[in-house]
C-alpha atoms as a PDB file:
ATOM      1  CA  MET A   1       0.000   0.000   0.000  1.00  0.00           C
ATOM      2  CA  THR A   2       1.391   3.404  -0.966  1.00  0.00           C
ATOM      3  CA  GLN A   3       1.931   6.161   1.599  1.00  0.00           C
ATOM      4  CA  ALA A   4      -0.912   8.217   0.069  1.00  0.00           C
ATOM      5  CA  ALA A   5      -3.295   5.247   0.351  1.00  0.00           C
ATOM      6  CA  GLN A   6      -2.206   4.661   3.952  1.00  0.00           C
ATOM      7  CA  ARG A   7      -2.877   8.312   4.841  1.00  0.00           C
ATOM      8  CA  GLN A   8      -6.277   8.147   3.149  1.00  0.00           C
ATOM      9  CA  ALA A   9      -7.198   4.949   4.975  1.00  0.00           C
ATOM     10  CA  HIS A  10      -6.068   6.444   8.277  1.00  0.00           C
ATOM     11  CA  ALA A  11      -8.027   9.668   7.689  1.00  0.00           C
ATOM     12  CA  ALA A  12     -11.241   7.925   6.574  1.00  0.00           C
ATOM     13  CA  PRO A  13     -13.663   7.163   9.412  1.00  0.00           C
ATOM     14  CA  ALA A  14     -14.550   3.556  10.056  1.00  0.00           C
ATOM     15  CA  ALA A  15     -17.847   2.239   8.715  1.00  0.00           C
ATOM     16  CA  GLY A  16     -20.713   3.559  10.810  1.00  0.00           C
ATOM     17  CA  ALA A  17     -18.477   6.094  12.577  1.00  0.00           C
ATOM     18  CA  ILE A  18     -19.467   9.747  12.689  1.00  0.00           C
ATOM     19  CA  ALA A  19     -17.030  12.239  11.151  1.00  0.00           C
ATOM     20  CA  SER A  20     -15.351  14.699  13.503  1.00  0.00           C
ATOM     21  CA  ASP A  21     -16.241  17.752  11.372  1.00  0.00           C
ATOM     22  CA  SER A  22     -18.028  18.801   8.181  1.00  0.00           C
ATOM     23  CA  TYR A  23     -15.027  19.953   6.169  1.00  0.00           C
ATOM     24  CA  GLY A  24     -14.353  18.349   2.815  1.00  0.00           C
ATOM     25  CA  THR A  25     -17.801  16.765   2.620  1.00  0.00           C
ATOM     26  CA  ALA A  26     -20.406  17.318  -0.078  1.00  0.00           C
ATOM     27  CA  LEU A  27     -22.615  20.287   0.729  1.00  0.00           C
ATOM     28  CA  PRO A  28     -26.404  20.326   0.241  1.00  0.00           C
ATOM     29  CA  PHE A  29     -27.808  21.489  -3.116  1.00  0.00           C
ATOM     30  CA  GLY A  30     -24.479  20.784  -4.826  1.00  0.00           C
ATOM     31  CA  LEU A  31     -22.919  23.918  -3.331  1.00  0.00           C
ATOM     32  CA  HIS A  32     -19.541  22.167  -3.203  1.00  0.00           C
ATOM     33  CA  HIS A  33     -19.526  22.030  -7.021  1.00  0.00           C
ATOM     34  CA  LEU A  34     -20.079  25.789  -7.202  1.00  0.00           C
ATOM     35  CA  VAL A  35     -17.302  26.644  -4.752  1.00  0.00           C
ATOM     36  CA  SER A  36     -14.922  24.205  -6.471  1.00  0.00           C
ATOM     37  CA  GLY A  37     -15.698  25.832  -9.818  1.00  0.00           C
ATOM     38  CA  MET A  38     -15.089  29.304  -8.379  1.00  0.00           C
ATOM     39  CA  ASN A  39     -11.804  28.086  -6.896  1.00  0.00           C
ATOM     40  CA  ALA A  40     -10.747  26.704 -10.286  1.00  0.00           C
ATOM     41  CA  LEU A  41     -11.671  30.004 -11.937  1.00  0.00           C
ATOM     42  CA  GLY A  42      -9.530  31.856  -9.405  1.00  0.00           C
ATOM     43  CA  THR A  43      -6.623  29.530 -10.176  1.00  0.00           C
ATOM     44  CA  LEU A  44      -6.978  30.188 -13.913  1.00  0.00           C
ATOM     45  CA  TRP A  45      -7.053  33.897 -13.148  1.00  0.00           C
ATOM     46  CA  ILE A  46      -3.749  33.546 -11.265  1.00  0.00           C
ATOM     47  CA  LEU A  47      -2.209  31.764 -14.261  1.00  0.00           C
ATOM     48  CA  ALA A  48      -3.421  34.530 -16.585  1.00  0.00           C
ATOM     49  CA  LEU A  49      -1.847  37.129 -14.293  1.00  0.00           C
ATOM     50  CA  MET A  50       1.457  35.243 -14.312  1.00  0.00           C
ATOM     51  CA  VAL A  51       1.462  35.257 -18.115  1.00  0.00           C
ATOM     52  CA  LEU A  52       0.603  38.968 -18.185  1.00  0.00           C
ATOM     53  CA  ILE A  53       3.320  39.870 -15.682  1.00  0.00           C
ATOM     54  CA  ASN A  54       5.928  37.871 -17.603  1.00  0.00           C
ATOM     55  CA  LEU A  55       4.897  39.533 -20.862  1.00  0.00           C
ATOM     56  CA  ASP A  56       5.292  42.909 -19.192  1.00  0.00           C
ATOM     57  CA  VAL A  57       8.747  42.012 -17.839  1.00  0.00           C
ATOM     58  CA  PHE A  58       9.972  40.684 -21.208  1.00  0.00           C
ATOM     59  CA  GLY A  59       8.429  43.560 -23.121  1.00  0.00           C
ATOM     60  CA  ARG A  60       9.903  46.147 -20.770  1.00  0.00           C
ATOM     61  CA  ASN A  61      13.429  44.677 -20.611  1.00  0.00           C
ATOM     62  CA  LEU A  62      13.867  43.191 -24.092  1.00  0.00           C
ATOM     63  CA  LEU A  63      11.750  45.392 -26.345  1.00  0.00           C
ATOM     64  CA  GLY A  64      11.392  48.552 -24.291  1.00  0.00           C
ATOM     65  CA  VAL A  65       7.602  48.276 -24.690  1.00  0.00           C
ATOM     66  CA  PRO A  66       5.849  47.480 -21.382  1.00  0.00           C
ATOM     67  CA  VAL A  67       2.322  46.102 -21.309  1.00  0.00           C
ATOM     68  CA  ARG A  68      -0.017  48.862 -20.220  1.00  0.00           C
ATOM     69  CA  GLY A  69      -2.185  48.469 -17.154  1.00  0.00           C
ATOM     70  CA  VAL A  70      -0.446  45.475 -15.601  1.00  0.00           C
ATOM     71  CA  THR A  71      -0.076  47.137 -12.194  1.00  0.00           C
ATOM     72  CA  GLU A  72      -3.742  48.172 -12.147  1.00  0.00           C
ATOM     73  CA  LEU A  73      -4.977  44.769 -13.291  1.00  0.00           C
ATOM     74  CA  VAL A  74      -2.889  42.958 -10.680  1.00  0.00           C
ATOM     75  CA  SER A  75      -4.175  45.179  -7.858  1.00  0.00           C
ATOM     76  CA  LEU A  76      -7.784  44.587  -8.937  1.00  0.00           C
ATOM     77  CA  SER A  77      -7.263  40.889  -9.556  1.00  0.00           C
ATOM     78  CA  ILE A  78      -5.897  40.100  -6.096  1.00  0.00           C
ATOM     79  CA  VAL A  79      -9.197  41.149  -4.525  1.00  0.00           C
ATOM     80  CA  GLY A  80     -11.253  39.209  -7.074  1.00  0.00           C
ATOM     81  CA  ILE A  81      -9.176  36.048  -6.701  1.00  0.00           C
ATOM     82  CA  VAL A  82      -9.391  36.079  -2.899  1.00  0.00           C
ATOM     83  CA  PHE A  83     -13.175  36.262  -2.914  1.00  0.00           C
ATOM     84  CA  LEU A  84     -13.532  33.696  -5.692  1.00  0.00           C
ATOM     85  CA  GLN A  85     -11.585  31.172  -3.643  1.00  0.00           C
ATOM     86  CA  LEU A  86     -12.980  32.089  -0.219  1.00  0.00           C
ATOM     87  CA  GLY A  87     -15.858  29.578  -0.252  1.00  0.00           C
ATOM     88  CA  ASP A  88     -13.721  26.589  -1.203  1.00  0.00           C
ATOM     89  CA  THR A  89     -11.125  27.583   1.389  1.00  0.00           C
ATOM     90  CA  LEU A  90     -13.853  27.395   4.030  1.00  0.00           C
ATOM     91  CA  ARG A  91     -15.384  24.147   2.730  1.00  0.00           C
ATOM     92  CA  SER A  92     -12.039  22.354   2.737  1.00  0.00           C
ATOM     93  CA  GLY A  93     -11.246  23.487   6.308  1.00  0.00           C
ATOM     94  CA  ARG A  94      -8.362  25.807   5.414  1.00  0.00           C
ATOM     95  CA  PHE A  95      -9.884  28.925   6.981  1.00  0.00           C
ATOM     96  CA  THR A  96      -7.619  30.484   9.613  1.00  0.00           C
ATOM     97  CA  ARG A  97      -8.698  29.356  13.078  1.00  0.00           C
ATOM     98  CA  ALA A  98      -7.241  28.179  16.376  1.00  0.00           C
ATOM     99  CA  ASP A  99      -8.306  24.556  16.783  1.00  0.00           C
ATOM    100  CA  ILE A 100      -6.106  23.410  19.676  1.00  0.00           C
ATOM    101  CA  LEU A 101      -9.126  23.172  21.987  1.00  0.00           C
ATOM    102  CA  LEU A 102     -11.279  21.495  19.330  1.00  0.00           C
ATOM    103  CA  ASP A 103      -8.601  18.884  18.620  1.00  0.00           C
ATOM    104  CA  ARG A 104      -8.648  17.905  22.303  1.00  0.00           C
ATOM    105  CA  LEU A 105     -12.424  18.002  22.699  1.00  0.00           C
ATOM    106  CA  LYS A 106     -13.264  15.966  19.605  1.00  0.00           C
ATOM    107  CA  HIS A 107     -11.888  12.835  21.309  1.00  0.00           C
ATOM    108  CA  THR A 108     -13.472  13.405  24.722  1.00  0.00           C
ATOM    109  CA  ARG A 109     -16.570  15.555  24.053  1.00  0.00           C
ATOM    110  CA  PRO A 110     -17.479  15.164  20.350  1.00  0.00           C
ATOM    111  CA  ALA A 111     -21.001  16.590  20.780  1.00  0.00           C
ATOM    112  CA  LEU A 112     -19.562  19.738  22.377  1.00  0.00           C
ATOM    113  CA  THR A 113     -17.084  19.952  19.511  1.00  0.00           C
ATOM    114  CA  ASP A 114     -19.979  19.833  17.047  1.00  0.00           C
ATOM    115  CA  ALA A 115     -21.748  22.632  18.980  1.00  0.00           C
ATOM    116  CA  LEU A 116     -18.605  24.790  18.938  1.00  0.00           C
ATOM    117  CA  HIS A 117     -18.158  24.160  15.214  1.00  0.00           C
ATOM    118  CA  ALA A 118     -21.772  25.187  14.630  1.00  0.00           C
ATOM    119  CA  LEU A 119     -21.277  28.353  16.711  1.00  0.00           C
ATOM    120  CA  TYR A 120     -18.111  29.210  14.769  1.00  0.00           C
ATOM    121  CA  HIS A 121     -19.933  28.768  11.472  1.00  0.00           C
ATOM    122  CA  LEU A 122     -22.948  30.805  12.585  1.00  0.00           C
ATOM    123  CA  VAL A 123     -20.688  33.666  13.704  1.00  0.00           C
ATOM    124  CA  GLY A 124     -18.910  33.431  10.334  1.00  0.00           C
ATOM    125  CA  LEU A 125     -22.289  33.580   8.591  1.00  0.00           C
ATOM    126  CA  ALA A 126     -23.238  36.717  10.528  1.00  0.00           C
ATOM    127  CA  LEU A 127     -19.902  38.339   9.652  1.00  0.00           C
ATOM    128  CA  MET A 128     -20.289  37.517   5.951  1.00  0.00           C
ATOM    129  CA  LEU A 129     -23.814  38.992   5.936  1.00  0.00           C
ATOM    130  CA  VAL A 130     -22.591  42.213   7.585  1.00  0.00           C
ATOM    131  CA  ILE A 131     -19.775  42.600   5.041  1.00  0.00           C
ATOM    132  CA  LEU A 132     -22.172  41.705   2.217  1.00  0.00           C
ATOM    133  CA  ALA A 133     -24.609  44.414   3.285  1.00  0.00           C
ATOM    134  CA  ALA A 134     -21.778  46.948   3.566  1.00  0.00           C
ATOM    135  CA  SER A 135     -20.434  46.042   0.100  1.00  0.00           C
ATOM    136  CA  TRP A 136     -23.685  46.562  -1.816  1.00  0.00           C
ATOM    137  CA  GLU A 137     -23.688  50.383  -1.782  1.00  0.00           C
ATOM    138  CA  PRO A 138     -20.067  50.704  -3.034  1.00  0.00           C
ATOM    139  CA  LEU A 139     -20.976  48.441  -5.976  1.00  0.00           C
ATOM    140  CA  VAL A 140     -23.976  50.584  -6.918  1.00  0.00           C
ATOM    141  CA  GLU A 141     -21.925  53.777  -6.526  1.00  0.00           C
ATOM    142  CA  SER A 142     -19.066  52.318  -8.584  1.00  0.00           C
ATOM    143  CA  ILE A 143     -21.467  51.590 -11.457  1.00  0.00           C
ATOM    144  CA  ARG A 144     -23.132  55.009 -11.138  1.00  0.00           C
ATOM    145  CA  ILE A 145     -19.938  57.090 -11.292  1.00  0.00           C
ATOM    146  CA  ARG A 146     -18.201  54.675 -13.694  1.00  0.00           C
ATOM    147  CA  GLU A 147     -15.289  54.184 -11.324  1.00  0.00           C
ATOM    148  CA  TYR A 148     -12.082  53.037 -12.959  1.00  0.00           C
ATOM    149  CA  VAL A 149      -8.391  52.470 -12.286  1.00  0.00           C
ATOM    150  CA  GLY A 150      -5.647  53.766 -14.528  1.00  0.00           C
ATOM    151  CA  ALA A 151      -5.229  57.042 -16.372  1.00  0.00           C
ATOM    152  CA  ILE A 152      -7.324  58.579 -19.123  1.00  0.00           C
ATOM    153  CA  GLY A 153      -5.573  58.208 -22.462  1.00  0.00           C
ATOM    154  CA  ASP A 154      -3.273  55.465 -21.200  1.00  0.00           C
ATOM    155  CA  PHE A 155      -5.170  52.568 -19.583  1.00  0.00           C
ATOM    156  CA  GLN A 156      -8.555  52.337 -17.896  1.00  0.00           C
ATOM    157  CA  ALA A 157     -10.322  49.375 -16.314  1.00  0.00           C
ATOM    158  CA  PRO A 158     -13.745  49.491 -14.615  1.00  0.00           C
ATOM    159  CA  VAL A 159     -13.844  48.610 -10.926  1.00  0.00           C
ATOM    160  CA  TRP A 160     -17.437  47.350 -10.691  1.00  0.00           C
ATOM    161  CA  PRO A 161     -16.770  43.808 -12.049  1.00  0.00           C
ATOM    162  CA  VAL A 162     -14.372  43.117  -9.171  1.00  0.00           C
ATOM    163  CA  ARG A 163     -16.861  44.595  -6.691  1.00  0.00           C
ATOM    164  CA  LEU A 164     -19.514  42.281  -8.133  1.00  0.00           C
ATOM    165  CA  ILE A 165     -17.192  39.280  -7.788  1.00  0.00           C
ATOM    166  CA  THR A 166     -16.590  40.334  -4.178  1.00  0.00           C
ATOM    167  CA  LEU A 167     -20.329  40.272  -3.479  1.00  0.00           C
ATOM    168  CA  LEU A 168     -20.699  36.894  -5.190  1.00  0.00           C
ATOM    169  CA  GLY A 169     -17.815  35.447  -3.164  1.00  0.00           C
ATOM    170  CA  LEU A 170     -19.275  36.811   0.076  1.00  0.00           C
ATOM    171  CA  ALA A 171     -22.730  35.416  -0.716  1.00  0.00           C
ATOM    172  CA  VAL A 172     -21.391  31.950  -1.572  1.00  0.00           C
ATOM    173  CA  THR A 173     -19.154  31.914   1.515  1.00  0.00           C
ATOM    174  CA  ALA A 174     -22.150  32.899   3.665  1.00  0.00           C
ATOM    175  CA  LEU A 175     -24.068  29.949   2.189  1.00  0.00           C
ATOM    176  CA  CYS A 176     -21.120  27.666   2.964  1.00  0.00           C
ATOM    177  CA  PHE A 177     -21.087  28.861   6.582  1.00  0.00           C
ATOM    178  CA  LEU A 178     -24.832  28.195   6.800  1.00  0.00           C
ATOM    179  CA  MET A 179     -24.588  24.706   5.292  1.00  0.00           C
ATOM    180  CA  LEU A 180     -21.618  23.767   7.494  1.00  0.00           C
ATOM    181  CA  ALA A 181     -23.482  24.941  10.609  1.00  0.00           C
ATOM    182  CA  TRP A 182     -26.467  22.824   9.566  1.00  0.00           C
ATOM    183  CA  LEU A 183     -24.234  19.773   9.048  1.00  0.00           C
ATOM    184  CA  ASP A 184     -22.633  20.366  12.455  1.00  0.00           C
ATOM    185  CA  LEU A 185     -26.007  20.491  14.201  1.00  0.00           C
ATOM    186  CA  ARG A 186     -27.234  17.433  12.315  1.00  0.00           C
ATOM    187  CA  ARG A 187     -24.090  15.521  13.282  1.00  0.00           C
ATOM    188  CA  MET A 188     -24.530  16.569  16.923  1.00  0.00           C
ATOM    189  CA  ALA A 189     -28.148  15.325  16.865  1.00  0.00           C
ATOM    190  CA  SER A 190     -26.979  12.065  15.298  1.00  0.00           C
ATOM    191  CA  ARG A 191     -24.504  11.517  18.124  1.00  0.00           C
ATOM    192  CA  ARG A 192     -27.263  12.031  20.671  1.00  0.00           C
ATOM    193  CA  THR A 193     -29.625   9.560  18.974  1.00  0.00           C
ATOM    194  CA  THR A 194     -26.916   6.900  18.737  1.00  0.00           C
ATOM    195  CA  GLY A 195     -25.771   7.708  22.270  1.00  0.00           C
ATOM    196  CA  GLY A 196     -22.203   7.093  21.149  1.00  0.00           C
ATOM    197  CA  ARG A 197     -19.017   9.149  21.269  1.00  0.00           C
ATOM    198  CA  SER A 198     -18.000   7.968  17.795  1.00  0.00           C
END
């Protein structure tokens, strides 16, 4: 058995056992497919930026003709990429968090661990909704005044598409928080019905 297969077998719960958390599992309504697709789109965006930056470097140093707007596009793209990949980062359990306490509790008090996971996800949902509400007006204003980056006559790029991507990423991440909280509560209820600490 290869090392990868051994790790997978060790990580997989035994038949009938209850998982310790909801990360990496399929989300209701196929939401995991959406966040995976957004993550892949963000990765392709990164590759496109790498090509653009290299073209700018070669054009500037070898031909004396830099690619216009690279700095502006990179600054806009970083924000868009982060929010495109935010949902999948959460679903796969790579969100920044301190889990020292949870790692100890999941072996001794798994139901409490589920409750704490659910609380964490509900707080995350509330935070995403607050940021989402605060981001709506800047999007509308950006479209109204035709906000752009760059300089007139040289390079201009509208800002509103990135603001729209930000709202989409926030909305999808909020849904992920909600679905994960629901899975946590369902898993906690399942532990209680089975009466086990599995």
